[in-house]
Amino acid sequence: STQSTWGANGALSVGMRVMTQFTRAEGGDDRWYQGVVTEVNVQKNTARIKYDDGDVEVVEAPYIHIVAAAAQIYPPQY
């Protein structure tokens, strides 16, 4: 069985679109920033994210939210 790194709302994998919040506690503005997972570290429970603005950051998995996860889990009903 392959181990997974679990984000705030699902298992993270490379290429997945995600977002994190840059909190005031971190010196940020409480805004959410989107990017793409470029690497997952199961041992450390982290993922490297390349943000749309070009920044790259390694983030602890529980703080990473998958974008549109509900749409992936539940296909649209017509």
Foldseek 3Di string as FASTA:
>chain_A
DDDFQAEQDGTDDFFFKKKFFCDVVNVDDRDIWIFTFHAADRVQSWTWTQTPVGDIDIGRRHRIGGPPVVCVVDPDDD
